[in-house]
Each structure stands twice: as C-alpha cells, then as structure tokens.
N, C-alpha and C. Protein backbone atom coordinates (compact mmCIF):
# COMPACT_ATOMS: atom_id res chain seq x y z
N MET A 1 19.67 68.33 -8.67
CA MET A 1 18.99 67.20 -9.19
C MET A 1 19.71 65.90 -8.82
N LYS A 2 21.05 65.99 -8.90
CA LYS A 2 21.83 64.84 -8.53
C LYS A 2 21.64 64.47 -7.09
N ARG A 3 21.59 65.45 -6.24
CA ARG A 3 21.38 65.22 -4.83
C ARG A 3 19.98 64.62 -4.56
N LEU A 4 19.01 65.09 -5.26
CA LEU A 4 17.62 64.57 -5.12
C LEU A 4 17.60 63.10 -5.49
N PHE A 5 18.25 62.77 -6.60
CA PHE A 5 18.27 61.39 -7.07
C PHE A 5 18.98 60.49 -6.06
N LEU A 6 20.09 60.94 -5.53
CA LEU A 6 20.84 60.17 -4.50
C LEU A 6 20.02 60.00 -3.24
N LEU A 7 19.30 61.05 -2.89
CA LEU A 7 18.45 60.98 -1.71
C LEU A 7 17.31 59.96 -1.92
N LEU A 8 16.69 59.91 -3.09
CA LEU A 8 15.65 58.96 -3.36
C LEU A 8 16.17 57.53 -3.34
N VAL A 9 17.39 57.34 -3.93
CA VAL A 9 18.01 56.01 -3.91
C VAL A 9 18.26 55.57 -2.49
N LEU A 10 18.79 56.49 -1.65
CA LEU A 10 19.07 56.17 -0.25
C LEU A 10 17.81 55.81 0.50
N VAL A 11 16.72 56.55 0.31
CA VAL A 11 15.45 56.27 0.97
C VAL A 11 14.93 54.89 0.50
N ALA A 12 15.00 54.61 -0.81
CA ALA A 12 14.53 53.33 -1.29
C ALA A 12 15.33 52.19 -0.74
N CYS A 13 16.66 52.32 -0.64
CA CYS A 13 17.45 51.24 -0.09
C CYS A 13 17.17 51.02 1.38
N THR A 14 16.95 52.12 2.11
CA THR A 14 16.64 52.02 3.54
C THR A 14 15.31 51.27 3.72
N ALA A 15 14.33 51.61 2.89
CA ALA A 15 13.05 50.96 2.99
C ALA A 15 13.11 49.45 2.65
N LEU A 16 13.94 49.06 1.70
CA LEU A 16 14.10 47.68 1.35
C LEU A 16 14.83 46.91 2.43
N ALA A 17 15.78 47.63 3.08
CA ALA A 17 16.55 46.93 4.11
C ALA A 17 15.87 46.84 5.46
N ALA A 18 14.79 47.53 5.63
CA ALA A 18 14.06 47.50 6.91
C ALA A 18 13.57 46.10 7.18
N PRO A 19 13.62 45.67 8.43
CA PRO A 19 13.16 44.34 8.78
C PRO A 19 11.67 44.15 8.43
N LYS A 20 11.40 43.00 7.94
CA LYS A 20 10.01 42.67 7.59
C LYS A 20 9.29 42.11 8.80
N LYS A 21 8.03 42.33 8.82
CA LYS A 21 7.22 41.78 9.91
C LYS A 21 7.21 40.27 9.78
N ASN A 22 7.26 39.61 10.94
CA ASN A 22 7.22 38.14 10.95
C ASN A 22 5.81 37.67 10.59
N LYS A 23 5.73 36.93 9.52
CA LYS A 23 4.47 36.35 9.15
C LYS A 23 4.43 34.96 9.71
N LYS A 24 3.32 34.54 10.27
CA LYS A 24 3.18 33.21 10.78
C LYS A 24 3.11 32.26 9.59
N PRO A 25 3.97 31.20 9.62
CA PRO A 25 3.86 30.23 8.51
C PRO A 25 2.52 29.54 8.51
N LYS A 26 2.06 29.33 7.30
CA LYS A 26 0.74 28.65 7.22
C LYS A 26 0.89 27.18 7.64
N ALA A 27 -0.07 26.72 8.32
CA ALA A 27 -0.09 25.30 8.75
C ALA A 27 -0.36 24.48 7.50
N PRO A 28 0.27 23.30 7.43
CA PRO A 28 0.02 22.45 6.27
C PRO A 28 -1.47 22.04 6.29
N PRO A 29 -2.01 21.83 5.09
CA PRO A 29 -3.42 21.40 5.06
C PRO A 29 -3.56 20.04 5.67
N PRO A 30 -4.70 19.75 6.20
CA PRO A 30 -4.94 18.45 6.84
C PRO A 30 -4.89 17.36 5.76
N PRO A 31 -4.44 16.15 6.14
CA PRO A 31 -4.43 15.07 5.15
C PRO A 31 -5.82 14.78 4.66
N PRO A 32 -5.92 14.29 3.41
CA PRO A 32 -7.30 13.92 2.95
C PRO A 32 -7.83 12.78 3.74
N PRO A 33 -9.13 12.67 3.83
CA PRO A 33 -9.73 11.52 4.56
C PRO A 33 -9.36 10.19 3.90
N VAL A 34 -9.28 9.18 4.74
CA VAL A 34 -8.97 7.82 4.26
C VAL A 34 -10.19 7.33 3.43
N PRO A 35 -9.94 6.87 2.21
CA PRO A 35 -11.07 6.37 1.40
C PRO A 35 -11.73 5.16 2.04
N THR A 36 -13.02 5.15 2.02
CA THR A 36 -13.79 4.05 2.54
C THR A 36 -14.42 3.17 1.47
N ALA A 37 -14.20 3.56 0.25
CA ALA A 37 -14.66 2.83 -0.94
C ALA A 37 -13.68 3.04 -2.06
N PRO A 38 -13.63 2.16 -3.03
CA PRO A 38 -12.68 2.31 -4.13
C PRO A 38 -12.85 3.65 -4.84
N MET A 39 -11.72 4.35 -5.05
CA MET A 39 -11.73 5.58 -5.83
C MET A 39 -11.91 5.18 -7.29
N PRO A 40 -12.22 6.17 -8.18
CA PRO A 40 -12.60 5.86 -9.57
C PRO A 40 -11.58 4.95 -10.31
N LYS A 41 -10.25 5.24 -10.28
CA LYS A 41 -9.33 4.42 -11.04
C LYS A 41 -9.22 3.01 -10.45
N VAL A 42 -9.31 2.92 -9.13
CA VAL A 42 -9.30 1.60 -8.48
C VAL A 42 -10.51 0.82 -8.89
N LYS A 43 -11.66 1.44 -8.88
CA LYS A 43 -12.92 0.78 -9.23
C LYS A 43 -12.82 0.28 -10.70
N GLU A 44 -12.18 1.06 -11.54
CA GLU A 44 -12.06 0.72 -12.95
C GLU A 44 -11.09 -0.43 -13.18
N ASN A 45 -10.04 -0.53 -12.39
CA ASN A 45 -8.95 -1.50 -12.64
C ASN A 45 -9.02 -2.80 -11.82
N LEU A 46 -9.55 -2.75 -10.66
CA LEU A 46 -9.67 -3.96 -9.81
C LEU A 46 -10.92 -4.71 -10.22
N SER A 47 -10.86 -6.03 -10.26
CA SER A 47 -12.02 -6.82 -10.66
C SER A 47 -13.13 -6.69 -9.61
N ASP A 48 -14.32 -6.96 -10.07
CA ASP A 48 -15.50 -6.92 -9.16
C ASP A 48 -15.32 -7.90 -8.02
N ALA A 49 -14.76 -9.07 -8.30
CA ALA A 49 -14.60 -10.09 -7.27
C ALA A 49 -13.64 -9.58 -6.18
N VAL A 50 -12.53 -8.95 -6.59
CA VAL A 50 -11.56 -8.42 -5.62
C VAL A 50 -12.23 -7.35 -4.78
N GLN A 51 -12.96 -6.46 -5.42
CA GLN A 51 -13.63 -5.37 -4.70
C GLN A 51 -14.68 -5.89 -3.73
N GLU A 52 -15.42 -6.92 -4.14
CA GLU A 52 -16.44 -7.48 -3.23
C GLU A 52 -15.80 -8.15 -2.03
N LEU A 53 -14.72 -8.85 -2.24
CA LEU A 53 -14.06 -9.55 -1.13
C LEU A 53 -13.45 -8.52 -0.15
N LEU A 54 -12.86 -7.44 -0.72
CA LEU A 54 -12.30 -6.39 0.17
C LEU A 54 -13.42 -5.71 0.94
N ALA A 55 -14.52 -5.35 0.28
CA ALA A 55 -15.59 -4.67 0.97
C ALA A 55 -16.23 -5.53 2.06
N GLY A 56 -16.33 -6.82 1.83
CA GLY A 56 -16.93 -7.74 2.78
C GLY A 56 -16.01 -8.37 3.78
N SER A 57 -14.79 -7.91 3.81
CA SER A 57 -13.79 -8.53 4.70
C SER A 57 -14.19 -8.35 6.17
N ALA A 58 -14.16 -9.46 6.88
CA ALA A 58 -14.44 -9.48 8.31
C ALA A 58 -13.12 -9.65 9.10
N LYS A 59 -12.11 -10.21 8.44
CA LYS A 59 -10.87 -10.53 9.16
C LYS A 59 -9.75 -10.50 8.09
N VAL A 60 -8.62 -9.92 8.47
CA VAL A 60 -7.44 -9.89 7.63
C VAL A 60 -6.29 -10.36 8.49
N VAL A 61 -5.55 -11.36 7.97
CA VAL A 61 -4.37 -11.88 8.68
C VAL A 61 -3.15 -11.63 7.82
N VAL A 62 -2.07 -11.12 8.40
CA VAL A 62 -0.84 -10.82 7.69
C VAL A 62 0.10 -12.00 7.88
N TRP A 63 0.70 -12.47 6.79
CA TRP A 63 1.56 -13.60 6.80
C TRP A 63 2.86 -13.25 6.05
N ARG A 64 4.00 -13.83 6.45
CA ARG A 64 5.18 -13.81 5.61
C ARG A 64 5.03 -14.97 4.65
N VAL A 65 5.39 -14.77 3.40
CA VAL A 65 5.17 -15.71 2.34
C VAL A 65 6.50 -16.05 1.64
N THR A 66 6.59 -17.24 1.09
CA THR A 66 7.77 -17.60 0.32
C THR A 66 7.31 -18.25 -1.01
N ASP A 67 8.23 -18.23 -1.98
CA ASP A 67 8.05 -18.95 -3.22
C ASP A 67 8.56 -20.31 -2.98
N THR A 68 7.85 -21.31 -3.46
CA THR A 68 8.24 -22.73 -3.24
C THR A 68 9.32 -23.17 -4.20
N GLY A 69 9.72 -22.37 -5.13
CA GLY A 69 10.78 -22.75 -6.06
C GLY A 69 10.38 -23.89 -6.98
N GLY A 70 9.12 -23.99 -7.34
CA GLY A 70 8.68 -25.04 -8.27
C GLY A 70 8.20 -26.29 -7.56
N LEU A 71 8.42 -26.39 -6.25
CA LEU A 71 7.92 -27.55 -5.51
C LEU A 71 6.45 -27.34 -5.12
N ARG A 72 5.72 -28.41 -4.96
CA ARG A 72 4.35 -28.27 -4.62
C ARG A 72 4.25 -27.84 -3.13
N PRO A 73 3.50 -26.77 -2.90
CA PRO A 73 3.38 -26.29 -1.50
C PRO A 73 2.53 -27.17 -0.63
N ASP A 74 2.76 -27.06 0.69
CA ASP A 74 1.93 -27.74 1.66
C ASP A 74 0.47 -27.25 1.50
N PRO A 75 -0.47 -28.14 1.24
CA PRO A 75 -1.86 -27.68 0.99
C PRO A 75 -2.46 -26.85 2.07
N ALA A 76 -2.03 -27.06 3.31
CA ALA A 76 -2.60 -26.28 4.45
C ALA A 76 -2.08 -24.82 4.42
N ARG A 77 -0.92 -24.63 3.78
CA ARG A 77 -0.33 -23.27 3.74
C ARG A 77 -0.23 -22.69 2.35
N ALA A 78 -0.75 -23.38 1.35
CA ALA A 78 -0.62 -23.02 -0.03
C ALA A 78 -1.42 -21.76 -0.40
N ILE A 79 -0.79 -21.01 -1.29
CA ILE A 79 -1.45 -19.91 -1.98
C ILE A 79 -1.17 -20.18 -3.45
N GLY A 80 -2.12 -20.68 -4.19
CA GLY A 80 -1.89 -21.07 -5.56
C GLY A 80 -1.00 -22.27 -5.60
N THR A 81 -0.21 -22.38 -6.67
CA THR A 81 0.69 -23.53 -6.79
C THR A 81 2.14 -23.20 -6.55
N ASP A 82 2.44 -21.91 -6.31
CA ASP A 82 3.83 -21.49 -6.21
C ASP A 82 4.24 -20.86 -4.85
N PHE A 83 3.28 -20.52 -4.06
CA PHE A 83 3.60 -19.77 -2.84
C PHE A 83 2.99 -20.42 -1.62
N GLN A 84 3.57 -20.19 -0.45
CA GLN A 84 2.98 -20.69 0.79
C GLN A 84 3.29 -19.72 1.94
N ARG A 85 2.37 -19.76 2.92
CA ARG A 85 2.51 -18.95 4.13
C ARG A 85 3.61 -19.56 4.99
N GLU A 86 4.44 -18.70 5.61
CA GLU A 86 5.54 -19.20 6.40
C GLU A 86 5.40 -18.79 7.86
N ALA A 87 5.74 -17.53 8.18
CA ALA A 87 5.74 -17.07 9.58
C ALA A 87 4.31 -17.02 10.09
N ALA A 88 4.21 -17.16 11.40
CA ALA A 88 2.86 -17.14 12.04
C ALA A 88 2.17 -15.81 11.70
N GLY A 89 0.94 -15.91 11.32
CA GLY A 89 0.19 -14.73 10.91
C GLY A 89 -0.30 -13.94 12.12
N LYS A 90 -0.59 -12.65 11.83
CA LYS A 90 -1.17 -11.78 12.83
C LYS A 90 -2.43 -11.12 12.28
N GLU A 91 -3.51 -11.22 13.04
CA GLU A 91 -4.74 -10.61 12.64
C GLU A 91 -4.73 -9.10 12.83
N LEU A 92 -5.15 -8.35 11.87
CA LEU A 92 -5.18 -6.90 11.98
C LEU A 92 -6.33 -6.48 12.89
N THR A 93 -6.13 -5.42 13.63
CA THR A 93 -7.20 -4.81 14.44
C THR A 93 -8.14 -4.09 13.52
N GLY A 94 -9.26 -3.62 14.08
CA GLY A 94 -10.25 -2.88 13.31
C GLY A 94 -9.69 -1.64 12.66
N GLU A 95 -8.87 -0.89 13.43
CA GLU A 95 -8.24 0.33 12.89
C GLU A 95 -7.20 0.00 11.80
N GLU A 96 -6.41 -1.06 12.02
CA GLU A 96 -5.43 -1.47 11.01
C GLU A 96 -6.07 -1.90 9.73
N LEU A 97 -7.23 -2.60 9.89
CA LEU A 97 -8.00 -3.06 8.68
C LEU A 97 -8.51 -1.87 7.95
N LYS A 98 -9.06 -0.89 8.65
CA LYS A 98 -9.57 0.32 8.02
C LYS A 98 -8.47 1.06 7.28
N ALA A 99 -7.29 1.14 7.88
CA ALA A 99 -6.12 1.83 7.24
C ALA A 99 -5.69 1.05 6.01
N LEU A 100 -5.65 -0.28 6.07
CA LEU A 100 -5.25 -1.09 4.91
C LEU A 100 -6.25 -0.91 3.78
N LYS A 101 -7.52 -0.95 4.06
CA LYS A 101 -8.54 -0.75 3.04
C LYS A 101 -8.37 0.61 2.39
N GLY A 102 -8.10 1.60 3.22
CA GLY A 102 -7.87 3.00 2.72
C GLY A 102 -6.73 3.02 1.73
N LEU A 103 -5.61 2.28 2.02
CA LEU A 103 -4.47 2.27 1.13
C LEU A 103 -4.87 1.56 -0.20
N LEU A 104 -5.57 0.45 -0.09
CA LEU A 104 -5.90 -0.34 -1.28
C LEU A 104 -7.02 0.32 -2.13
N TYR A 105 -7.80 1.22 -1.53
CA TYR A 105 -8.87 1.93 -2.25
C TYR A 105 -8.35 3.22 -2.86
N ASP A 106 -7.16 3.70 -2.53
CA ASP A 106 -6.64 4.98 -2.95
C ASP A 106 -6.01 4.92 -4.33
N ASP A 107 -6.46 5.77 -5.26
CA ASP A 107 -5.88 5.83 -6.60
C ASP A 107 -4.38 6.11 -6.58
N LYS A 108 -3.91 6.88 -5.62
CA LYS A 108 -2.51 7.25 -5.52
C LYS A 108 -1.60 6.12 -5.10
N SER A 109 -2.14 5.00 -4.65
CA SER A 109 -1.34 3.86 -4.24
C SER A 109 -0.81 3.06 -5.39
N TYR A 110 -1.40 3.21 -6.59
CA TYR A 110 -1.05 2.39 -7.73
C TYR A 110 -0.47 3.25 -8.86
N ARG A 111 0.31 2.57 -9.73
CA ARG A 111 0.72 3.12 -11.01
C ARG A 111 0.16 2.19 -12.06
N PHE A 112 -1.11 2.46 -12.41
CA PHE A 112 -1.83 1.53 -13.29
C PHE A 112 -1.27 1.37 -14.70
N ALA A 113 -0.59 2.39 -15.17
CA ALA A 113 -0.05 2.31 -16.55
C ALA A 113 1.27 1.55 -16.64
N GLN A 114 1.90 1.18 -15.54
CA GLN A 114 3.16 0.50 -15.53
C GLN A 114 3.00 -0.98 -15.99
N ASP A 115 3.99 -1.47 -16.75
CA ASP A 115 4.04 -2.85 -17.14
C ASP A 115 4.60 -3.67 -15.99
N VAL A 116 3.86 -4.64 -15.51
CA VAL A 116 4.31 -5.45 -14.37
C VAL A 116 4.89 -6.80 -14.75
N SER A 117 5.05 -7.04 -16.07
CA SER A 117 5.48 -8.36 -16.49
C SER A 117 7.00 -8.51 -16.50
N LYS A 118 7.75 -7.43 -16.31
CA LYS A 118 9.20 -7.52 -16.48
C LYS A 118 9.94 -7.94 -15.22
N CYS A 119 9.27 -8.00 -14.09
CA CYS A 119 9.91 -8.35 -12.85
C CYS A 119 9.54 -9.77 -12.42
N ASN A 120 10.46 -10.52 -11.88
CA ASN A 120 10.20 -11.85 -11.36
C ASN A 120 9.52 -11.71 -10.02
N PHE A 121 8.21 -11.87 -10.00
CA PHE A 121 7.43 -11.68 -8.78
C PHE A 121 7.70 -12.73 -7.75
N VAL A 122 8.29 -12.32 -6.64
CA VAL A 122 8.53 -13.20 -5.49
C VAL A 122 7.92 -12.49 -4.27
N PRO A 123 6.83 -12.96 -3.74
CA PRO A 123 6.17 -12.27 -2.65
C PRO A 123 6.92 -12.44 -1.34
N HIS A 124 6.74 -11.46 -0.48
CA HIS A 124 7.29 -11.53 0.87
C HIS A 124 6.15 -11.56 1.91
N LEU A 125 5.02 -10.96 1.56
CA LEU A 125 3.95 -10.72 2.52
C LEU A 125 2.61 -11.06 1.87
N SER A 126 1.66 -11.49 2.66
CA SER A 126 0.33 -11.70 2.19
C SER A 126 -0.67 -11.15 3.21
N PHE A 127 -1.65 -10.43 2.68
CA PHE A 127 -2.83 -10.04 3.48
C PHE A 127 -3.92 -11.02 3.12
N GLN A 128 -4.24 -11.91 4.04
CA GLN A 128 -5.29 -12.92 3.76
C GLN A 128 -6.62 -12.33 4.24
N VAL A 129 -7.45 -12.03 3.25
CA VAL A 129 -8.72 -11.37 3.53
C VAL A 129 -9.81 -12.45 3.56
N GLN A 130 -10.50 -12.54 4.67
CA GLN A 130 -11.56 -13.52 4.83
C GLN A 130 -12.90 -12.82 5.07
N GLY A 131 -13.91 -13.31 4.38
CA GLY A 131 -15.26 -12.77 4.55
C GLY A 131 -15.89 -13.37 5.77
N PRO A 132 -17.16 -12.94 6.02
CA PRO A 132 -17.85 -13.51 7.20
C PRO A 132 -18.10 -14.98 7.08
N ASP A 133 -18.18 -15.49 5.86
CA ASP A 133 -18.36 -16.94 5.62
C ASP A 133 -17.20 -17.47 4.85
N GLY A 134 -16.25 -18.16 5.49
CA GLY A 134 -15.03 -18.65 4.83
C GLY A 134 -15.29 -19.59 3.68
N SER A 135 -16.46 -20.14 3.57
CA SER A 135 -16.72 -21.12 2.48
C SER A 135 -16.90 -20.40 1.15
N VAL A 136 -17.14 -19.10 1.15
CA VAL A 136 -17.33 -18.34 -0.08
C VAL A 136 -16.05 -18.15 -0.80
N GLY A 137 -14.95 -17.99 -0.07
CA GLY A 137 -13.64 -17.82 -0.69
C GLY A 137 -12.85 -16.75 0.12
N THR A 138 -11.57 -16.71 -0.17
CA THR A 138 -10.71 -15.74 0.47
C THR A 138 -9.95 -14.97 -0.60
N LEU A 139 -9.35 -13.91 -0.19
CA LEU A 139 -8.53 -13.09 -1.10
C LEU A 139 -7.16 -12.99 -0.47
N GLU A 140 -6.15 -13.31 -1.25
CA GLU A 140 -4.78 -13.12 -0.78
C GLU A 140 -4.22 -11.96 -1.57
N ALA A 141 -3.74 -10.97 -0.86
CA ALA A 141 -3.08 -9.81 -1.49
C ALA A 141 -1.60 -9.99 -1.26
N LEU A 142 -0.90 -10.54 -2.24
CA LEU A 142 0.54 -10.89 -2.10
C LEU A 142 1.35 -9.62 -2.48
N VAL A 143 2.37 -9.32 -1.68
CA VAL A 143 3.20 -8.14 -1.90
C VAL A 143 4.63 -8.59 -2.16
N SER A 144 5.18 -8.12 -3.30
CA SER A 144 6.58 -8.30 -3.60
C SER A 144 7.28 -6.96 -3.45
N PHE A 145 8.11 -6.82 -2.41
CA PHE A 145 8.82 -5.59 -2.20
C PHE A 145 9.92 -5.39 -3.24
N LYS A 146 10.46 -6.48 -3.72
CA LYS A 146 11.50 -6.39 -4.77
C LYS A 146 10.92 -5.76 -6.06
N CYS A 147 9.73 -6.13 -6.42
CA CYS A 147 9.10 -5.62 -7.65
C CYS A 147 8.14 -4.44 -7.40
N ASP A 148 7.86 -4.17 -6.13
CA ASP A 148 6.85 -3.16 -5.81
C ASP A 148 5.52 -3.51 -6.51
N GLN A 149 5.13 -4.74 -6.34
CA GLN A 149 3.91 -5.22 -6.98
C GLN A 149 2.98 -5.85 -5.93
N LEU A 150 1.70 -5.76 -6.22
CA LEU A 150 0.66 -6.40 -5.42
C LEU A 150 -0.12 -7.30 -6.33
N PHE A 151 -0.22 -8.59 -5.97
CA PHE A 151 -0.88 -9.61 -6.78
C PHE A 151 -2.09 -10.16 -5.99
N PHE A 152 -3.27 -9.94 -6.49
CA PHE A 152 -4.47 -10.47 -5.85
C PHE A 152 -4.73 -11.88 -6.35
N PHE A 153 -4.95 -12.79 -5.40
CA PHE A 153 -5.21 -14.21 -5.69
C PHE A 153 -6.52 -14.56 -4.94
N ILE A 154 -7.49 -15.09 -5.65
CA ILE A 154 -8.73 -15.44 -5.05
C ILE A 154 -8.77 -16.96 -4.82
N GLY A 155 -8.95 -17.34 -3.54
CA GLY A 155 -9.02 -18.76 -3.19
C GLY A 155 -10.50 -19.20 -3.13
N LYS A 156 -10.79 -20.23 -3.85
CA LYS A 156 -12.18 -20.77 -3.87
C LYS A 156 -12.22 -22.11 -3.07
N PRO A 157 -13.38 -22.50 -2.62
CA PRO A 157 -13.50 -23.77 -1.92
C PRO A 157 -12.95 -24.91 -2.77
N GLY A 158 -12.35 -25.90 -2.09
CA GLY A 158 -11.78 -27.04 -2.82
C GLY A 158 -10.34 -26.84 -3.26
N GLY A 159 -9.72 -25.75 -2.80
CA GLY A 159 -8.36 -25.52 -3.16
C GLY A 159 -8.08 -24.91 -4.48
N ARG A 160 -9.09 -24.35 -5.14
CA ARG A 160 -8.89 -23.69 -6.43
C ARG A 160 -8.46 -22.25 -6.23
N TRP A 161 -7.57 -21.77 -7.08
CA TRP A 161 -7.05 -20.39 -6.94
C TRP A 161 -7.19 -19.66 -8.31
N LEU A 162 -7.71 -18.45 -8.29
CA LEU A 162 -7.89 -17.69 -9.49
C LEU A 162 -7.13 -16.35 -9.35
N PRO A 163 -6.33 -15.98 -10.35
CA PRO A 163 -5.63 -14.69 -10.29
C PRO A 163 -6.61 -13.54 -10.39
N GLY A 164 -6.38 -12.48 -9.62
CA GLY A 164 -7.25 -11.37 -9.61
C GLY A 164 -6.60 -10.08 -10.00
N GLY A 165 -5.36 -10.17 -10.59
CA GLY A 165 -4.71 -8.99 -11.14
C GLY A 165 -3.41 -8.68 -10.37
N THR A 166 -2.42 -8.17 -11.13
CA THR A 166 -1.13 -7.72 -10.52
C THR A 166 -0.98 -6.26 -10.81
N PHE A 167 -0.58 -5.47 -9.81
CA PHE A 167 -0.52 -4.02 -9.94
C PHE A 167 0.76 -3.49 -9.39
N ASP A 168 1.30 -2.40 -10.01
CA ASP A 168 2.46 -1.68 -9.50
C ASP A 168 2.04 -0.81 -8.38
N VAL A 169 2.68 -1.00 -7.18
CA VAL A 169 2.35 -0.19 -6.03
C VAL A 169 3.59 0.53 -5.43
N LYS A 170 4.45 0.98 -6.35
CA LYS A 170 5.65 1.66 -5.89
C LYS A 170 5.37 2.83 -5.00
N PRO A 171 4.31 3.64 -5.24
CA PRO A 171 4.04 4.78 -4.33
C PRO A 171 3.73 4.33 -2.87
N LEU A 172 3.37 3.05 -2.75
CA LEU A 172 2.95 2.50 -1.48
C LEU A 172 4.08 1.76 -0.73
N HIS A 173 5.27 1.66 -1.36
CA HIS A 173 6.36 0.84 -0.84
C HIS A 173 6.64 1.08 0.65
N LYS A 174 6.94 2.33 1.00
CA LYS A 174 7.30 2.65 2.40
C LYS A 174 6.20 2.28 3.38
N LYS A 175 4.97 2.60 3.01
CA LYS A 175 3.83 2.33 3.90
C LYS A 175 3.63 0.83 4.09
N LEU A 176 3.81 0.06 3.01
CA LEU A 176 3.65 -1.40 3.13
C LEU A 176 4.78 -2.00 3.95
N VAL A 177 6.02 -1.49 3.82
CA VAL A 177 7.15 -1.92 4.63
C VAL A 177 6.82 -1.64 6.11
N ASP A 178 6.32 -0.46 6.39
CA ASP A 178 5.95 -0.07 7.80
C ASP A 178 4.85 -1.00 8.35
N VAL A 179 3.86 -1.33 7.52
CA VAL A 179 2.80 -2.27 7.96
C VAL A 179 3.39 -3.64 8.25
N ALA A 180 4.25 -4.10 7.35
CA ALA A 180 4.87 -5.44 7.50
C ALA A 180 5.67 -5.48 8.82
N LYS A 181 6.49 -4.47 9.08
CA LYS A 181 7.36 -4.48 10.27
C LYS A 181 6.50 -4.39 11.49
N ALA A 182 5.45 -3.59 11.46
CA ALA A 182 4.58 -3.45 12.69
C ALA A 182 3.80 -4.70 12.97
N THR A 183 3.38 -5.42 11.96
CA THR A 183 2.57 -6.60 12.17
C THR A 183 3.36 -7.86 12.43
N LEU A 184 4.57 -7.94 11.95
CA LEU A 184 5.41 -9.12 12.12
C LEU A 184 6.71 -8.69 12.83
N PRO A 185 6.63 -8.23 14.09
CA PRO A 185 7.81 -7.66 14.75
C PRO A 185 8.88 -8.69 15.12
N THR A 186 8.54 -9.97 15.18
CA THR A 186 9.56 -10.97 15.54
C THR A 186 10.15 -11.72 14.36
N ASP A 187 9.70 -11.38 13.18
CA ASP A 187 10.19 -12.06 11.97
C ASP A 187 11.39 -11.28 11.42
N ALA A 188 12.58 -11.87 11.53
CA ALA A 188 13.81 -11.18 11.16
C ALA A 188 13.85 -10.78 9.69
N ALA A 189 13.35 -11.61 8.81
CA ALA A 189 13.35 -11.27 7.37
C ALA A 189 12.50 -10.03 7.06
N THR A 190 11.40 -9.89 7.81
CA THR A 190 10.52 -8.76 7.64
C THR A 190 11.17 -7.50 8.23
N GLN A 191 11.81 -7.62 9.39
CA GLN A 191 12.41 -6.48 10.02
C GLN A 191 13.61 -5.94 9.21
N ASN A 192 14.20 -6.73 8.30
CA ASN A 192 15.27 -6.29 7.48
C ASN A 192 14.83 -5.65 6.16
N LEU A 193 13.53 -5.54 5.91
CA LEU A 193 13.02 -4.95 4.70
C LEU A 193 13.38 -3.48 4.65
N LYS A 194 13.63 -2.96 3.45
CA LYS A 194 13.92 -1.53 3.26
C LYS A 194 12.99 -0.98 2.23
C-alpha cells in the first residue's frame, strides 16, 4: 500500500512538472472609438452654450496663455480680465480637432466630483474655438497644468466674457501635455511641461 501511494505521488508530481503547452497571449482589446458627441456625464455637466460652441467649431487655435497678474490685458490678446494669449497660435488640423473633441466629450477625461476651488488657477494653454461665424462668439478652453483644471470662457461680441465652468481634468493631464508640446514645438515654456 505504501508503495502504491508513493507511486501515485510520483506520477502526480511528474504530471505537474511536465511542460505546459504555449498558449498564445490574447491581444489587448481595441481602444474604444473616439466620442463624436458628449457622453452622458459631459452632457449633464457642461453648459449648453459650451456644448453648442464645441459642436459648431470650424477652427481651433492653440495658444500659450499667461496670467496678467492683476494688470489689464491687451484687448487684442485678452481672455477675460485676467489672462492673455502670448505665444503665436497654431491652428489644429481636422484630425487634431477631431481628437480634441473626442477628449473633451469623454466622461473619463473629467473628475466631476472634485472641488476645483482650492487651487490658484493659472492657465498655460488655451484652445480658442471659433464657429463658422466669428460674430456669434468664441470659446476659450483654458488649461492649468498646475491645477489639472480646464476653464471654459465664452467670448461675446463687444469684448464681453462669460465663465462656462471649471473642471478637474487630472485623467487628461498627460494627453494635454502631449497636445501642447506637439502644437507649440518652438515654445520653450511649453516644451518644459511635465
């Protein structure tokens, strides 16, 4: 009986030690399609005006932006009363615009429950969204990499500016840094972003 037990243990150990057949690793699933319209949480949290201006955008120009430190900004470069465009802007191509809209429409880009009031918002970048008729208004999507926040500012004819909401976009940090560096390759301050 003892020999039979030892024989069974030996056979079991041999079977366990036998090389396993190589299984092909599963390919990762394809990435989800880029959203072409606001996802449910985005639709719920972004104002109708912001959504309309994004949907109707015919042209988007990327600018480096600075805080004026309380001084009145140059009216030709002003965004509201505190910020102004600095480095020469670059217009996004059709594919870049589609990718940007996909990021802004994606629920996973935002942390809607986060309190955004605790950080001193100082923007570095602006996506200036212009519709087919510039007289209707523009949308400035200001990005603060320090705060990981996106602040929508709606520009109306006559130099009036209306806030359109501030949102935590920490999940989007790396992608926005990549977009900034790709669109403003000669701007040293942008190339030093992390």
